[in-house]
């Protein structure tokens, strides 16, 4: 009784020889799913590998069809519209990114103001003590080791400055300005 199986090297069903090898000369280790057939190999032709189909013709026909249906001018207009939509979405993304950076900067300012108030409560000082806020560097030297883990940085690369404000601490960014109404006692 004849045997057939799937040859992984041929990528097809093939006749299997008495030693389990592929009829195309591949070793038995490349043949799997071996089964017996009721017909002799000579009576049944070996299955041929399926030819690969190319989609190139269909793609060309689709493009030509679209051009004929739409008209060349309206396709150019549609392309320009798609390009404009792409640049608009990029502008929306850039605006959202800029807005997120501004919000992050303001959050940093609030964090520093809160850390300064915490430092004052821990150390028993007030914001009216000049050495507490005479410069950003001095303020950070007080806050970073005791209250903050690290010095906050503006995501847009701005620099922070501080000053006394109504018995509190004013904080400003060179890029985003200061948070409205931010003042710590």
C-alpha atoms as a PDB file:
ATOM      1  CA  UNK A   1       0.000   0.000   0.000  1.00  0.00           C
ATOM      2  CA  UNK A   2       1.326   3.428  -0.946  1.00  0.00           C
ATOM      3  CA  UNK A   3       1.990   6.125   1.628  1.00  0.00           C
ATOM      4  CA  UNK A   4       1.726   9.897   1.357  1.00  0.00           C
ATOM      5  CA  UNK A   5       2.547  12.716   3.736  1.00  0.00           C
ATOM      6  CA  UNK A   6       3.338  16.416   4.040  1.00  0.00           C
ATOM      7  CA  UNK A   7       6.915  17.476   3.241  1.00  0.00           C
ATOM      8  CA  UNK A   8       7.908  20.684   5.012  1.00  0.00           C
ATOM      9  CA  UNK A   9      10.681  21.368   2.495  1.00  0.00           C
ATOM     10  CA  UNK A  10       8.354  20.959  -0.511  1.00  0.00           C
ATOM     11  CA  UNK A  11       5.487  22.680   1.340  1.00  0.00           C
ATOM     12  CA  UNK A  12       3.151  20.131  -0.228  1.00  0.00           C
ATOM     13  CA  UNK A  13       1.740  16.616   0.084  1.00  0.00           C
ATOM     14  CA  UNK A  14       4.136  14.088  -1.466  1.00  0.00           C
ATOM     15  CA  UNK A  15       4.534  10.345  -1.891  1.00  0.00           C
ATOM     16  CA  UNK A  16       6.620   8.757   0.809  1.00  0.00           C
ATOM     17  CA  UNK A  17       9.250   6.131   0.001  1.00  0.00           C
ATOM     18  CA  UNK A  18       9.746   2.861   1.940  1.00  0.00           C
ATOM     19  CA  UNK A  19      12.336   4.580   4.181  1.00  0.00           C
ATOM     20  CA  UNK A  20       9.908   7.435   5.024  1.00  0.00           C
ATOM     21  CA  UNK A  21      11.652   9.992   2.811  1.00  0.00           C
ATOM     22  CA  UNK A  22       9.995  12.432   0.405  1.00  0.00           C
ATOM     23  CA  UNK A  23       9.619  11.333  -3.233  1.00  0.00           C
ATOM     24  CA  UNK A  24      11.526  14.515  -4.160  1.00  0.00           C
ATOM     25  CA  UNK A  25      14.575  13.370  -2.194  1.00  0.00           C
ATOM     26  CA  UNK A  26      14.039  15.156   1.140  1.00  0.00           C
ATOM     27  CA  UNK A  27      14.851  13.208   4.352  1.00  0.00           C
ATOM     28  CA  UNK A  28      12.231  11.430   6.442  1.00  0.00           C
ATOM     29  CA  UNK A  29      12.620  14.080   9.157  1.00  0.00           C
ATOM     30  CA  UNK A  30      10.954  16.646   6.845  1.00  0.00           C
ATOM     31  CA  UNK A  31       7.885  14.433   6.230  1.00  0.00           C
ATOM     32  CA  UNK A  32       4.948  14.467   8.657  1.00  0.00           C
ATOM     33  CA  UNK A  33       1.319  13.333   8.738  1.00  0.00           C
ATOM     34  CA  UNK A  34       2.092  10.132   6.850  1.00  0.00           C
ATOM     35  CA  UNK A  35      -0.965   8.109   5.820  1.00  0.00           C
ATOM     36  CA  UNK A  36      -1.676   5.052   3.675  1.00  0.00           C
ATOM     37  CA  UNK A  37      -3.585   5.243   0.408  1.00  0.00           C
ATOM     38  CA  UNK A  38      -5.490   2.526  -1.369  1.00  0.00           C
ATOM     39  CA  UNK A  39      -4.004   3.361  -4.780  1.00  0.00           C
ATOM     40  CA  UNK A  40      -0.521   2.778  -6.050  1.00  0.00           C
ATOM     41  CA  UNK A  41       1.668   5.876  -6.487  1.00  0.00           C
ATOM     42  CA  UNK A  42       1.784   5.288 -10.225  1.00  0.00           C
ATOM     43  CA  UNK A  43      -2.015   5.483 -10.522  1.00  0.00           C
ATOM     44  CA  UNK A  44      -2.344   8.747  -8.605  1.00  0.00           C
ATOM     45  CA  UNK A  45      -0.188  11.670  -9.698  1.00  0.00           C
ATOM     46  CA  UNK A  46       1.768  13.375  -6.978  1.00  0.00           C
ATOM     47  CA  UNK A  47       0.114  16.598  -5.869  1.00  0.00           C
ATOM     48  CA  UNK A  48       1.836  19.657  -7.248  1.00  0.00           C
ATOM     49  CA  UNK A  49       2.712  22.659  -5.157  1.00  0.00           C
ATOM     50  CA  UNK A  50       0.165  25.430  -5.542  1.00  0.00           C
ATOM     51  CA  UNK A  51       1.508  28.265  -7.681  1.00  0.00           C
ATOM     52  CA  UNK A  52       1.906  31.574  -5.922  1.00  0.00           C
ATOM     53  CA  UNK A  53      -0.592  34.182  -6.969  1.00  0.00           C
ATOM     54  CA  UNK A  54       0.380  37.761  -7.501  1.00  0.00           C
ATOM     55  CA  UNK A  55      -1.920  40.589  -6.467  1.00  0.00           C
ATOM     56  CA  UNK A  56      -0.167  43.080  -8.731  1.00  0.00           C
ATOM     57  CA  UNK A  57      -2.776  42.855 -11.485  1.00  0.00           C
ATOM     58  CA  UNK A  58      -5.638  43.383  -9.037  1.00  0.00           C
ATOM     59  CA  UNK A  59      -3.928  46.378  -7.477  1.00  0.00           C
ATOM     60  CA  UNK A  60      -3.363  47.995 -10.868  1.00  0.00           C
ATOM     61  CA  UNK A  61      -6.971  47.341 -11.881  1.00  0.00           C
ATOM     62  CA  UNK A  62      -8.247  48.824  -8.617  1.00  0.00           C
ATOM     63  CA  UNK A  63      -6.179  52.003  -9.056  1.00  0.00           C
ATOM     64  CA  UNK A  64      -7.309  52.413 -12.663  1.00  0.00           C
ATOM     65  CA  UNK A  65     -10.925  51.812 -11.612  1.00  0.00           C
ATOM     66  CA  UNK A  66     -10.736  54.432  -8.887  1.00  0.00           C
ATOM     67  CA  UNK A  67      -9.193  56.936 -11.295  1.00  0.00           C
ATOM     68  CA  UNK A  68     -11.928  56.283 -13.866  1.00  0.00           C
ATOM     69  CA  UNK A  69     -14.755  56.467 -11.328  1.00  0.00           C
ATOM     70  CA  UNK A  70     -13.511  59.500  -9.433  1.00  0.00           C
ATOM     71  CA  UNK A  71     -11.931  61.369 -12.247  1.00  0.00           C
ATOM     72  CA  UNK A  72      -8.330  62.407 -12.013  1.00  0.00           C
ATOM     73  CA  UNK A  73      -9.111  65.914 -10.731  1.00  0.00           C
ATOM     74  CA  UNK A  74     -11.294  64.796  -7.856  1.00  0.00           C
ATOM     75  CA  UNK A  75      -8.647  62.218  -6.840  1.00  0.00           C
ATOM     76  CA  UNK A  76      -6.064  64.993  -6.673  1.00  0.00           C
ATOM     77  CA  UNK A  77      -8.511  67.031  -4.574  1.00  0.00           C
ATOM     78  CA  UNK A  78      -9.108  64.025  -2.310  1.00  0.00           C
ATOM     79  CA  UNK A  79      -5.341  63.593  -1.928  1.00  0.00           C
ATOM     80  CA  UNK A  80      -4.953  67.265  -1.018  1.00  0.00           C
ATOM     81  CA  UNK A  81      -7.794  66.919   1.494  1.00  0.00           C
ATOM     82  CA  UNK A  82      -6.119  63.895   3.077  1.00  0.00           C
ATOM     83  CA  UNK A  83      -2.807  65.783   3.266  1.00  0.00           C
ATOM     84  CA  UNK A  84      -4.554  68.726   4.926  1.00  0.00           C
ATOM     85  CA  UNK A  85      -6.238  66.385   7.423  1.00  0.00           C
ATOM     86  CA  UNK A  86      -2.834  64.878   8.230  1.00  0.00           C
ATOM     87  CA  UNK A  87      -1.257  68.282   8.878  1.00  0.00           C
ATOM     88  CA  UNK A  88      -4.293  69.336  10.932  1.00  0.00           C
ATOM     89  CA  UNK A  89      -3.968  66.231  13.099  1.00  0.00           C
ATOM     90  CA  UNK A  90      -0.280  67.017  13.557  1.00  0.00           C
ATOM     91  CA  UNK A  91      -1.217  70.549  14.698  1.00  0.00           C
ATOM     92  CA  UNK A  92      -3.757  69.125  17.147  1.00  0.00           C
ATOM     93  CA  UNK A  93      -1.093  66.766  18.507  1.00  0.00           C
ATOM     94  CA  UNK A  94       1.420  69.607  18.860  1.00  0.00           C
ATOM     95  CA  UNK A  95      -1.183  71.772  20.650  1.00  0.00           C
ATOM     96  CA  UNK A  96      -2.024  68.910  23.022  1.00  0.00           C
ATOM     97  CA  UNK A  97       1.668  68.306  23.683  1.00  0.00           C
ATOM     98  CA  UNK A  98       2.269  72.005  24.403  1.00  0.00           C
ATOM     99  CA  UNK A  99      -0.777  72.107  26.697  1.00  0.00           C
ATOM    100  CA  UNK A 100       0.470  69.025  28.569  1.00  0.00           C
ATOM    101  CA  UNK A 101       3.897  70.607  29.041  1.00  0.00           C
ATOM    102  CA  UNK A 102       2.318  73.778  30.421  1.00  0.00           C
ATOM    103  CA  UNK A 103       0.172  71.771  32.851  1.00  0.00           C
ATOM    104  CA  UNK A 104       3.233  69.799  33.950  1.00  0.00           C
ATOM    105  CA  UNK A 105       5.166  73.036  34.528  1.00  0.00           C
ATOM    106  CA  UNK A 106       2.326  74.477  36.635  1.00  0.00           C
ATOM    107  CA  UNK A 107       2.154  71.210  38.601  1.00  0.00           C
ATOM    108  CA  UNK A 108       5.891  71.587  39.297  1.00  0.00           C
ATOM    109  CA  UNK A 109       5.291  75.129  40.597  1.00  0.00           C
ATOM    110  CA  UNK A 110       2.508  73.919  42.892  1.00  0.00           C
ATOM    111  CA  UNK A 111       4.727  71.080  44.116  1.00  0.00           C
ATOM    112  CA  UNK A 112       7.538  73.497  45.010  1.00  0.00           C
ATOM    113  CA  UNK A 113       5.088  75.831  46.754  1.00  0.00           C
ATOM    114  CA  UNK A 114       3.682  72.932  48.771  1.00  0.00           C
ATOM    115  CA  UNK A 115       7.176  71.643  49.571  1.00  0.00           C
ATOM    116  CA  UNK A 116       8.183  75.114  50.762  1.00  0.00           C
ATOM    117  CA  UNK A 117       5.132  75.276  53.060  1.00  0.00           C
ATOM    118  CA  UNK A 118       5.985  71.781  54.367  1.00  0.00           C
ATOM    119  CA  UNK A 119       9.607  72.812  54.936  1.00  0.00           C
ATOM    120  CA  UNK A 120       8.436  75.874  56.863  1.00  0.00           C
ATOM    121  CA  UNK A 121       6.172  73.752  59.057  1.00  0.00           C
ATOM    122  CA  UNK A 122       8.925  71.195  59.735  1.00  0.00           C
ATOM    123  CA  UNK A 123      11.689  73.707  60.397  1.00  0.00           C
ATOM    124  CA  UNK A 124       9.506  76.302  62.119  1.00  0.00           C
ATOM    125  CA  UNK A 125      10.323  79.078  59.619  1.00  0.00           C
ATOM    126  CA  UNK A 126       8.107  81.305  57.519  1.00  0.00           C
ATOM    127  CA  UNK A 127       8.261  82.528  53.949  1.00  0.00           C
ATOM    128  CA  UNK A 128       9.223  85.955  55.208  1.00  0.00           C
ATOM    129  CA  UNK A 129      12.715  84.683  56.060  1.00  0.00           C
ATOM    130  CA  UNK A 130      14.824  86.035  53.148  1.00  0.00           C
ATOM    131  CA  UNK A 131      17.337  83.193  53.113  1.00  0.00           C
ATOM    132  CA  UNK A 132      14.476  80.765  52.367  1.00  0.00           C
ATOM    133  CA  UNK A 133      13.608  82.289  48.986  1.00  0.00           C
ATOM    134  CA  UNK A 134      16.353  84.633  47.805  1.00  0.00           C
ATOM    135  CA  UNK A 135      17.056  82.437  44.744  1.00  0.00           C
ATOM    136  CA  UNK A 136      15.860  79.221  43.108  1.00  0.00           C
ATOM    137  CA  UNK A 137      19.167  77.497  43.856  1.00  0.00           C
ATOM    138  CA  UNK A 138      19.025  78.412  47.552  1.00  0.00           C
ATOM    139  CA  UNK A 139      15.412  77.265  47.747  1.00  0.00           C
ATOM    140  CA  UNK A 140      16.271  73.947  46.097  1.00  0.00           C
ATOM    141  CA  UNK A 141      19.223  73.436  48.470  1.00  0.00           C
ATOM    142  CA  UNK A 142      16.729  73.705  51.335  1.00  0.00           C
ATOM    143  CA  UNK A 143      13.936  71.571  49.817  1.00  0.00           C
ATOM    144  CA  UNK A 144      15.624  68.774  47.848  1.00  0.00           C
ATOM    145  CA  UNK A 145      17.348  66.900  50.618  1.00  0.00           C
ATOM    146  CA  UNK A 146      14.566  67.330  53.186  1.00  0.00           C
ATOM    147  CA  UNK A 147      11.198  67.541  51.350  1.00  0.00           C
ATOM    148  CA  UNK A 148      11.632  66.913  47.596  1.00  0.00           C
ATOM    149  CA  UNK A 149      13.384  63.904  46.046  1.00  0.00           C
ATOM    150  CA  UNK A 150      14.757  65.933  43.138  1.00  0.00           C
ATOM    151  CA  UNK A 151      14.652  69.402  41.670  1.00  0.00           C
ATOM    152  CA  UNK A 152      11.654  69.840  39.351  1.00  0.00           C
ATOM    153  CA  UNK A 153      12.421  70.887  35.777  1.00  0.00           C
ATOM    154  CA  UNK A 154      10.192  72.572  33.230  1.00  0.00           C
ATOM    155  CA  UNK A 155       9.378  70.047  30.452  1.00  0.00           C
ATOM    156  CA  UNK A 156       9.873  72.799  27.856  1.00  0.00           C
ATOM    157  CA  UNK A 157      13.327  73.738  29.172  1.00  0.00           C
ATOM    158  CA  UNK A 158      12.247  76.890  31.002  1.00  0.00           C
ATOM    159  CA  UNK A 159      13.980  78.145  34.156  1.00  0.00           C
ATOM    160  CA  UNK A 160      12.211  78.771  37.430  1.00  0.00           C
ATOM    161  CA  UNK A 161      12.637  81.852  39.613  1.00  0.00           C
ATOM    162  CA  UNK A 162      11.225  82.723  43.047  1.00  0.00           C
ATOM    163  CA  UNK A 163      10.458  85.937  44.949  1.00  0.00           C
ATOM    164  CA  UNK A 164       8.608  87.028  48.108  1.00  0.00           C
ATOM    165  CA  UNK A 165       4.950  87.709  47.442  1.00  0.00           C
ATOM    166  CA  UNK A 166       2.360  88.895  50.017  1.00  0.00           C
ATOM    167  CA  UNK A 167       4.065  87.096  52.882  1.00  0.00           C
ATOM    168  CA  UNK A 168       4.462  84.018  50.684  1.00  0.00           C
ATOM    169  CA  UNK A 169       6.501  82.633  47.835  1.00  0.00           C
ATOM    170  CA  UNK A 170       5.995  83.506  44.159  1.00  0.00           C
ATOM    171  CA  UNK A 171       7.242  81.069  41.501  1.00  0.00           C
ATOM    172  CA  UNK A 172       7.641  81.818  37.793  1.00  0.00           C
ATOM    173  CA  UNK A 173       8.747  79.886  34.692  1.00  0.00           C
ATOM    174  CA  UNK A 174      10.582  81.652  31.867  1.00  0.00           C
ATOM    175  CA  UNK A 175       8.453  79.776  29.300  1.00  0.00           C
ATOM    176  CA  UNK A 176       5.014  79.290  30.889  1.00  0.00           C
ATOM    177  CA  UNK A 177       4.803  82.107  33.455  1.00  0.00           C
ATOM    178  CA  UNK A 178       3.351  81.456  36.889  1.00  0.00           C
ATOM    179  CA  UNK A 179       0.239  79.721  38.120  1.00  0.00           C
ATOM    180  CA  UNK A 180      -2.463  82.292  38.822  1.00  0.00           C
ATOM    181  CA  UNK A 181      -3.009  82.818  42.530  1.00  0.00           C
ATOM    182  CA  UNK A 182      -0.061  80.654  43.629  1.00  0.00           C
ATOM    183  CA  UNK A 183       1.337  82.005  46.853  1.00  0.00           C
ATOM    184  CA  UNK A 184       2.379  80.043  49.905  1.00  0.00           C
ATOM    185  CA  UNK A 185       2.285  81.504  53.422  1.00  0.00           C
END
